[in-house]
Amino acid sequence: FIMADHQLFSRLKEDFGHSPLVANGVFAFALALVEKIAEVEFACPCNPQWNRLFASAFFVIPAIIAFLLMMIIHECKCSKCLYSFVPPLVWHGLIFLDGQYFVCAQTYWSGTFVSVDNSYLKWCTPPNTTIYSSEELMAYSHRMFVVSQV
């Protein structure tokens, strides 16, 4: 069983190593799947001290893992090293298009992470004791969502 796994991994590595386009296509599909799974599980902490760090982890960690896996697959051959940057770029594109990670990172108030009724927007709804109105903060969250997609 272990020998079969090793042979399968070697075969996949060899096939992906010869065709960067196929490897990048497979990684792009896998990253899109991971982003959809993370989107379901993502909940902003709505704590100004943690929001940026928490959202940054979703930006950085999968991109680094994808980059390192591509470096291993391509064995960092000079002609193919540039292809290793494609999956992290795809990941960042997916994350920015989603928008909720960027909105979380830009949230500077405490609150509760909620989804706006019949809307794409998830945001940190503030408690009633803030210096800004809920409408102003929701408008700010909406602007950050739009900025992330530009």
N, C-alpha and C. Protein backbone atom coordinates (compact mmCIF):
# COMPACT_ATOMS: atom_id res chain seq x y z
N PHE A 1 0.82 -1.20 0.00
CA PHE A 1 0.00 0.00 0.00
C PHE A 1 0.86 1.26 0.00
N ILE A 2 1.87 1.30 0.84
CA ILE A 2 2.77 2.47 0.91
C ILE A 2 3.56 2.60 -0.38
N MET A 3 3.97 1.47 -0.94
CA MET A 3 4.73 1.48 -2.19
C MET A 3 3.86 2.04 -3.32
N ALA A 4 2.58 1.65 -3.34
CA ALA A 4 1.67 2.14 -4.37
C ALA A 4 1.48 3.65 -4.23
N ASP A 5 1.37 4.16 -3.00
CA ASP A 5 1.24 5.61 -2.78
C ASP A 5 2.48 6.34 -3.26
N HIS A 6 3.65 5.77 -2.97
CA HIS A 6 4.90 6.38 -3.39
C HIS A 6 5.00 6.41 -4.91
N GLN A 7 4.59 5.32 -5.57
CA GLN A 7 4.62 5.27 -7.02
C GLN A 7 3.64 6.27 -7.63
N LEU A 8 2.45 6.38 -7.03
CA LEU A 8 1.46 7.32 -7.52
C LEU A 8 1.98 8.75 -7.38
N PHE A 9 2.56 9.08 -6.22
CA PHE A 9 3.10 10.41 -6.01
C PHE A 9 4.22 10.70 -7.00
N SER A 10 5.11 9.73 -7.21
CA SER A 10 6.21 9.91 -8.17
C SER A 10 5.67 10.13 -9.58
N ARG A 11 4.66 9.38 -9.94
CA ARG A 11 4.07 9.50 -11.28
C ARG A 11 3.42 10.88 -11.46
N LEU A 12 2.65 11.33 -10.44
CA LEU A 12 2.02 12.64 -10.51
C LEU A 12 3.06 13.76 -10.57
N LYS A 13 4.10 13.63 -9.77
CA LYS A 13 5.17 14.63 -9.77
C LYS A 13 5.84 14.70 -11.14
N GLU A 14 6.07 13.54 -11.73
CA GLU A 14 6.71 13.50 -13.05
C GLU A 14 5.79 14.12 -14.11
N ASP A 15 4.50 13.77 -14.08
CA ASP A 15 3.55 14.30 -15.07
C ASP A 15 3.40 15.81 -14.92
N PHE A 16 3.23 16.29 -13.68
CA PHE A 16 3.08 17.72 -13.44
C PHE A 16 4.37 18.47 -13.74
N GLY A 17 5.50 17.85 -13.48
CA GLY A 17 6.78 18.49 -13.73
C GLY A 17 7.04 18.75 -15.20
N HIS A 18 6.48 17.90 -16.06
CA HIS A 18 6.68 18.08 -17.50
C HIS A 18 5.70 19.07 -18.12
N SER A 19 4.60 19.32 -17.44
CA SER A 19 3.60 20.21 -18.01
C SER A 19 3.16 21.25 -16.97
N PRO A 20 3.85 22.39 -16.95
CA PRO A 20 3.48 23.43 -15.99
C PRO A 20 2.05 23.92 -16.16
N LEU A 21 1.55 23.93 -17.38
CA LEU A 21 0.20 24.40 -17.62
C LEU A 21 -0.82 23.48 -16.94
N VAL A 22 -0.63 22.18 -17.04
CA VAL A 22 -1.53 21.22 -16.40
C VAL A 22 -1.43 21.36 -14.88
N ALA A 23 -0.22 21.45 -14.37
CA ALA A 23 -0.03 21.59 -12.92
C ALA A 23 -0.69 22.85 -12.40
N ASN A 24 -0.53 23.96 -13.11
CA ASN A 24 -1.16 25.21 -12.68
C ASN A 24 -2.68 25.14 -12.77
N GLY A 25 -3.18 24.47 -13.79
CA GLY A 25 -4.63 24.29 -13.91
C GLY A 25 -5.20 23.48 -12.76
N VAL A 26 -4.52 22.41 -12.42
CA VAL A 26 -4.96 21.56 -11.30
C VAL A 26 -4.89 22.36 -9.99
N PHE A 27 -3.81 23.10 -9.79
CA PHE A 27 -3.67 23.91 -8.58
C PHE A 27 -4.72 25.01 -8.53
N ALA A 28 -5.02 25.64 -9.64
CA ALA A 28 -6.03 26.69 -9.66
C ALA A 28 -7.40 26.13 -9.26
N PHE A 29 -7.73 24.96 -9.79
CA PHE A 29 -8.99 24.32 -9.43
C PHE A 29 -9.01 23.95 -7.95
N ALA A 30 -7.91 23.38 -7.46
CA ALA A 30 -7.82 23.01 -6.04
C ALA A 30 -7.91 24.23 -5.14
N LEU A 31 -7.27 25.34 -5.52
CA LEU A 31 -7.32 26.55 -4.72
C LEU A 31 -8.73 27.15 -4.70
N ALA A 32 -9.43 27.08 -5.83
CA ALA A 32 -10.82 27.57 -5.87
C ALA A 32 -11.69 26.74 -4.93
N LEU A 33 -11.46 25.45 -4.91
CA LEU A 33 -12.19 24.56 -4.01
C LEU A 33 -11.88 24.89 -2.55
N VAL A 34 -10.61 25.09 -2.23
CA VAL A 34 -10.19 25.44 -0.87
C VAL A 34 -10.82 26.78 -0.46
N GLU A 35 -10.85 27.75 -1.37
CA GLU A 35 -11.43 29.05 -1.05
C GLU A 35 -12.92 28.92 -0.74
N LYS A 36 -13.64 28.10 -1.50
CA LYS A 36 -15.07 27.91 -1.23
C LYS A 36 -15.29 27.24 0.12
N ILE A 37 -14.44 26.30 0.47
CA ILE A 37 -14.55 25.65 1.78
C ILE A 37 -14.22 26.64 2.89
N ALA A 38 -13.17 27.43 2.70
CA ALA A 38 -12.78 28.42 3.70
C ALA A 38 -13.84 29.49 3.85
N GLU A 39 -14.50 29.85 2.76
CA GLU A 39 -15.55 30.87 2.81
C GLU A 39 -16.68 30.44 3.74
N VAL A 40 -17.03 29.18 3.70
CA VAL A 40 -18.08 28.67 4.57
C VAL A 40 -17.64 28.74 6.02
N GLU A 41 -16.38 28.45 6.28
CA GLU A 41 -15.87 28.40 7.64
C GLU A 41 -15.36 29.74 8.17
N PHE A 42 -15.14 30.70 7.30
CA PHE A 42 -14.54 31.97 7.71
C PHE A 42 -15.50 32.78 8.55
N ALA A 43 -15.02 33.21 9.69
CA ALA A 43 -15.78 34.12 10.56
C ALA A 43 -14.80 35.12 11.14
N CYS A 44 -14.94 36.35 10.76
CA CYS A 44 -14.05 37.41 11.24
C CYS A 44 -14.18 37.51 12.76
N PRO A 45 -13.06 37.67 13.47
CA PRO A 45 -13.15 37.77 14.93
C PRO A 45 -13.80 39.08 15.41
N CYS A 46 -13.90 40.08 14.52
CA CYS A 46 -14.50 41.38 14.87
C CYS A 46 -13.84 41.97 16.11
N ASN A 47 -12.55 41.84 16.15
CA ASN A 47 -11.73 42.41 17.22
C ASN A 47 -10.63 43.20 16.53
N PRO A 48 -10.59 44.51 16.70
CA PRO A 48 -9.62 45.33 15.96
C PRO A 48 -8.17 44.87 16.12
N GLN A 49 -7.85 44.24 17.24
CA GLN A 49 -6.48 43.79 17.45
C GLN A 49 -6.16 42.53 16.65
N TRP A 50 -7.16 41.76 16.28
CA TRP A 50 -6.93 40.47 15.62
C TRP A 50 -7.38 40.42 14.17
N ASN A 51 -8.23 41.31 13.73
CA ASN A 51 -8.81 41.22 12.38
C ASN A 51 -7.76 41.12 11.28
N ARG A 52 -6.79 42.02 11.27
CA ARG A 52 -5.77 42.01 10.21
C ARG A 52 -4.93 40.74 10.24
N LEU A 53 -4.53 40.32 11.42
CA LEU A 53 -3.72 39.11 11.53
C LEU A 53 -4.50 37.89 11.07
N PHE A 54 -5.73 37.79 11.50
CA PHE A 54 -6.58 36.65 11.15
C PHE A 54 -6.81 36.59 9.64
N ALA A 55 -7.20 37.72 9.05
CA ALA A 55 -7.45 37.76 7.60
C ALA A 55 -6.15 37.54 6.82
N SER A 56 -5.04 38.06 7.33
CA SER A 56 -3.74 37.88 6.65
C SER A 56 -3.35 36.41 6.57
N ALA A 57 -3.71 35.65 7.57
CA ALA A 57 -3.40 34.21 7.54
C ALA A 57 -4.08 33.56 6.34
N PHE A 58 -5.30 33.99 6.00
CA PHE A 58 -6.00 33.44 4.85
C PHE A 58 -5.37 33.91 3.53
N PHE A 59 -4.72 35.05 3.54
CA PHE A 59 -4.03 35.54 2.35
C PHE A 59 -2.70 34.82 2.14
N VAL A 60 -1.95 34.62 3.22
CA VAL A 60 -0.55 34.22 3.12
C VAL A 60 -0.34 32.70 3.16
N ILE A 61 -0.90 32.02 4.12
CA ILE A 61 -0.58 30.60 4.33
C ILE A 61 -0.89 29.73 3.12
N PRO A 62 -2.10 29.76 2.55
CA PRO A 62 -2.35 28.93 1.36
C PRO A 62 -1.45 29.31 0.17
N ALA A 63 -1.14 30.60 0.02
CA ALA A 63 -0.28 31.03 -1.09
C ALA A 63 1.13 30.45 -0.93
N ILE A 64 1.65 30.47 0.28
CA ILE A 64 2.99 29.92 0.52
C ILE A 64 3.00 28.41 0.29
N ILE A 65 1.97 27.72 0.78
CA ILE A 65 1.90 26.27 0.58
C ILE A 65 1.84 25.94 -0.90
N ALA A 66 1.00 26.65 -1.65
CA ALA A 66 0.90 26.40 -3.09
C ALA A 66 2.22 26.68 -3.79
N PHE A 67 2.89 27.76 -3.42
CA PHE A 67 4.19 28.10 -4.01
C PHE A 67 5.21 27.00 -3.73
N LEU A 68 5.30 26.54 -2.49
CA LEU A 68 6.27 25.51 -2.14
C LEU A 68 5.97 24.19 -2.84
N LEU A 69 4.71 23.84 -2.94
CA LEU A 69 4.35 22.61 -3.66
C LEU A 69 4.74 22.69 -5.12
N MET A 70 4.52 23.84 -5.74
CA MET A 70 4.91 23.99 -7.14
C MET A 70 6.43 23.96 -7.29
N MET A 71 7.15 24.52 -6.33
CA MET A 71 8.62 24.46 -6.38
C MET A 71 9.09 23.01 -6.29
N ILE A 72 8.45 22.23 -5.45
CA ILE A 72 8.82 20.81 -5.32
C ILE A 72 8.50 20.06 -6.60
N ILE A 73 7.32 20.31 -7.16
CA ILE A 73 6.91 19.61 -8.38
C ILE A 73 7.84 19.95 -9.54
N HIS A 74 8.20 21.21 -9.67
CA HIS A 74 9.05 21.63 -10.79
C HIS A 74 10.53 21.52 -10.48
N GLU A 75 10.85 21.08 -9.29
CA GLU A 75 12.24 20.91 -8.85
C GLU A 75 13.05 22.17 -9.07
N CYS A 76 12.39 23.30 -9.04
CA CYS A 76 13.00 24.62 -9.16
C CYS A 76 13.99 24.72 -10.32
N LYS A 77 13.61 24.17 -11.43
CA LYS A 77 14.40 24.35 -12.65
C LYS A 77 14.18 25.77 -13.12
N CYS A 78 15.24 26.43 -13.49
CA CYS A 78 15.17 27.86 -13.82
C CYS A 78 14.08 28.19 -14.83
N SER A 79 13.92 27.36 -15.83
CA SER A 79 12.93 27.66 -16.86
C SER A 79 11.51 27.51 -16.36
N LYS A 80 11.31 26.76 -15.26
CA LYS A 80 9.96 26.51 -14.77
C LYS A 80 9.68 27.18 -13.42
N CYS A 81 10.66 27.84 -12.83
CA CYS A 81 10.47 28.47 -11.52
C CYS A 81 9.39 29.54 -11.54
N LEU A 82 9.29 30.27 -12.64
CA LEU A 82 8.29 31.32 -12.71
C LEU A 82 6.87 30.78 -12.63
N TYR A 83 6.67 29.54 -13.10
CA TYR A 83 5.35 28.93 -13.03
C TYR A 83 4.91 28.71 -11.58
N SER A 84 5.85 28.65 -10.66
CA SER A 84 5.53 28.44 -9.26
C SER A 84 4.80 29.63 -8.64
N PHE A 85 4.89 30.78 -9.30
CA PHE A 85 4.21 31.97 -8.79
C PHE A 85 2.75 32.05 -9.23
N VAL A 86 2.35 31.23 -10.18
CA VAL A 86 0.98 31.30 -10.69
C VAL A 86 -0.06 30.91 -9.62
N PRO A 87 0.07 29.78 -8.93
CA PRO A 87 -0.95 29.45 -7.93
C PRO A 87 -1.10 30.49 -6.81
N PRO A 88 -0.02 31.06 -6.26
CA PRO A 88 -0.25 32.12 -5.27
C PRO A 88 -0.98 33.33 -5.84
N LEU A 89 -0.69 33.68 -7.09
CA LEU A 89 -1.39 34.80 -7.71
C LEU A 89 -2.87 34.48 -7.91
N VAL A 90 -3.15 33.24 -8.30
CA VAL A 90 -4.55 32.80 -8.44
C VAL A 90 -5.25 32.87 -7.08
N TRP A 91 -4.56 32.41 -6.03
CA TRP A 91 -5.14 32.44 -4.69
C TRP A 91 -5.47 33.88 -4.27
N HIS A 92 -4.54 34.79 -4.48
CA HIS A 92 -4.80 36.18 -4.09
C HIS A 92 -5.96 36.77 -4.90
N GLY A 93 -6.04 36.41 -6.16
CA GLY A 93 -7.17 36.86 -6.97
C GLY A 93 -8.49 36.36 -6.42
N LEU A 94 -8.54 35.08 -6.05
CA LEU A 94 -9.76 34.51 -5.48
C LEU A 94 -10.15 35.19 -4.17
N ILE A 95 -9.15 35.42 -3.33
CA ILE A 95 -9.40 36.03 -2.02
C ILE A 95 -9.92 37.47 -2.19
N PHE A 96 -9.30 38.23 -3.08
CA PHE A 96 -9.76 39.60 -3.28
C PHE A 96 -11.14 39.65 -3.94
N LEU A 97 -11.42 38.73 -4.86
CA LEU A 97 -12.74 38.70 -5.48
C LEU A 97 -13.82 38.33 -4.48
N ASP A 98 -13.48 37.48 -3.51
CA ASP A 98 -14.45 37.11 -2.49
C ASP A 98 -14.83 38.32 -1.65
N GLY A 99 -13.84 39.11 -1.25
CA GLY A 99 -14.09 40.36 -0.56
C GLY A 99 -14.22 40.31 0.94
N GLN A 100 -14.78 39.24 1.50
CA GLN A 100 -15.04 39.24 2.94
C GLN A 100 -13.75 39.21 3.78
N TYR A 101 -12.69 38.64 3.26
CA TYR A 101 -11.42 38.62 3.99
C TYR A 101 -10.85 40.03 4.09
N PHE A 102 -10.93 40.77 2.99
CA PHE A 102 -10.43 42.14 2.97
C PHE A 102 -11.28 43.04 3.86
N VAL A 103 -12.59 42.85 3.83
CA VAL A 103 -13.49 43.62 4.70
C VAL A 103 -13.13 43.36 6.16
N CYS A 104 -12.89 42.12 6.51
CA CYS A 104 -12.49 41.78 7.88
C CYS A 104 -11.19 42.48 8.25
N ALA A 105 -10.21 42.43 7.36
CA ALA A 105 -8.92 43.04 7.66
C ALA A 105 -9.04 44.55 7.85
N GLN A 106 -9.97 45.19 7.18
CA GLN A 106 -10.13 46.63 7.25
C GLN A 106 -11.08 47.09 8.36
N THR A 107 -11.68 46.15 9.07
CA THR A 107 -12.62 46.51 10.14
C THR A 107 -11.85 46.96 11.37
N TYR A 108 -12.14 48.16 11.84
CA TYR A 108 -11.41 48.73 12.97
C TYR A 108 -12.28 48.88 14.22
N TRP A 109 -13.44 48.21 14.25
CA TRP A 109 -14.31 48.27 15.41
C TRP A 109 -14.65 46.86 15.87
N SER A 110 -15.09 46.76 17.11
CA SER A 110 -15.53 45.47 17.67
C SER A 110 -16.97 45.24 17.26
N GLY A 111 -17.38 44.00 17.31
CA GLY A 111 -18.76 43.69 16.98
C GLY A 111 -18.98 42.21 16.84
N THR A 112 -20.02 41.88 16.10
CA THR A 112 -20.40 40.49 15.84
C THR A 112 -20.45 40.28 14.34
N PHE A 113 -19.84 39.19 13.87
CA PHE A 113 -19.77 38.90 12.44
C PHE A 113 -21.11 38.35 11.98
N VAL A 114 -21.76 39.07 11.09
CA VAL A 114 -23.08 38.66 10.60
C VAL A 114 -23.15 38.83 9.09
N SER A 115 -24.14 38.18 8.52
CA SER A 115 -24.42 38.32 7.10
C SER A 115 -25.61 39.25 6.94
N VAL A 116 -25.51 40.22 6.05
CA VAL A 116 -26.60 41.14 5.80
C VAL A 116 -27.68 40.39 5.04
N ASP A 117 -28.93 40.56 5.44
CA ASP A 117 -30.05 39.86 4.82
C ASP A 117 -30.07 40.06 3.31
N ASN A 118 -30.25 38.95 2.58
CA ASN A 118 -30.35 38.97 1.12
C ASN A 118 -29.22 39.74 0.47
N SER A 119 -28.00 39.56 0.98
CA SER A 119 -26.86 40.30 0.44
C SER A 119 -25.62 39.42 0.44
N TYR A 120 -24.64 39.86 -0.30
CA TYR A 120 -23.34 39.22 -0.36
C TYR A 120 -22.47 39.61 0.82
N LEU A 121 -22.80 40.72 1.49
CA LEU A 121 -21.93 41.33 2.48
C LEU A 121 -22.02 40.64 3.83
N LYS A 122 -20.86 40.28 4.35
CA LYS A 122 -20.73 39.83 5.73
C LYS A 122 -19.85 40.87 6.41
N TRP A 123 -20.25 41.31 7.58
CA TRP A 123 -19.52 42.38 8.23
C TRP A 123 -19.64 42.26 9.73
N CYS A 124 -18.88 43.11 10.43
CA CYS A 124 -18.90 43.15 11.89
C CYS A 124 -19.90 44.21 12.31
N THR A 125 -21.06 43.77 12.71
CA THR A 125 -22.06 44.72 13.17
C THR A 125 -21.65 45.23 14.56
N PRO A 126 -21.58 46.55 14.73
CA PRO A 126 -21.07 47.09 15.99
C PRO A 126 -22.12 47.06 17.09
N PRO A 127 -21.65 47.10 18.34
CA PRO A 127 -22.62 47.27 19.43
C PRO A 127 -23.20 48.68 19.36
N ASN A 128 -24.22 48.95 20.09
CA ASN A 128 -24.89 50.26 20.03
C ASN A 128 -24.08 51.39 20.63
N THR A 129 -22.94 51.07 21.23
CA THR A 129 -22.17 52.10 21.95
C THR A 129 -20.94 52.57 21.17
N THR A 130 -21.06 52.73 19.86
CA THR A 130 -19.93 53.21 19.06
C THR A 130 -20.12 54.68 18.73
N ILE A 131 -19.02 55.34 18.36
CA ILE A 131 -19.11 56.75 17.99
C ILE A 131 -19.62 56.94 16.56
N TYR A 132 -19.63 55.86 15.78
CA TYR A 132 -20.14 55.90 14.41
C TYR A 132 -21.47 55.14 14.37
N SER A 133 -22.33 55.54 13.47
CA SER A 133 -23.61 54.83 13.33
C SER A 133 -23.38 53.52 12.58
N SER A 134 -24.29 52.59 12.79
CA SER A 134 -24.21 51.31 12.09
C SER A 134 -24.25 51.50 10.58
N GLU A 135 -25.04 52.47 10.13
CA GLU A 135 -25.15 52.72 8.70
C GLU A 135 -23.82 53.19 8.10
N GLU A 136 -23.11 54.06 8.84
CA GLU A 136 -21.80 54.54 8.37
C GLU A 136 -20.80 53.39 8.29
N LEU A 137 -20.80 52.54 9.30
CA LEU A 137 -19.86 51.42 9.32
C LEU A 137 -20.21 50.37 8.27
N MET A 138 -21.51 50.16 8.02
CA MET A 138 -21.90 49.22 6.97
C MET A 138 -21.50 49.78 5.61
N ALA A 139 -21.67 51.08 5.41
CA ALA A 139 -21.26 51.71 4.15
C ALA A 139 -19.75 51.58 3.96
N TYR A 140 -18.99 51.75 5.03
CA TYR A 140 -17.54 51.58 4.96
C TYR A 140 -17.20 50.14 4.58
N SER A 141 -17.86 49.17 5.19
CA SER A 141 -17.63 47.75 4.86
C SER A 141 -17.95 47.49 3.40
N HIS A 142 -19.04 48.06 2.92
CA HIS A 142 -19.41 47.89 1.51
C HIS A 142 -18.33 48.48 0.59
N ARG A 143 -17.82 49.67 0.94
CA ARG A 143 -16.75 50.28 0.13
C ARG A 143 -15.51 49.38 0.11
N MET A 144 -15.16 48.81 1.24
CA MET A 144 -13.99 47.93 1.30
C MET A 144 -14.22 46.67 0.47
N PHE A 145 -15.45 46.19 0.44
CA PHE A 145 -15.79 45.02 -0.39
C PHE A 145 -15.56 45.37 -1.86
N VAL A 146 -16.02 46.54 -2.28
CA VAL A 146 -15.86 46.97 -3.67
C VAL A 146 -14.38 47.18 -3.99
N VAL A 147 -13.64 47.81 -3.07
CA VAL A 147 -12.20 48.04 -3.28
C VAL A 147 -11.47 46.72 -3.48
N SER A 148 -11.86 45.69 -2.75
CA SER A 148 -11.16 44.40 -2.85
C SER A 148 -11.35 43.78 -4.24
N GLN A 149 -12.39 44.15 -4.92
CA GLN A 149 -12.68 43.55 -6.22
C GLN A 149 -12.17 44.36 -7.39
N VAL A 150 -11.57 45.51 -7.12
CA VAL A 150 -11.05 46.35 -8.20
C VAL A 150 -9.64 45.96 -8.53
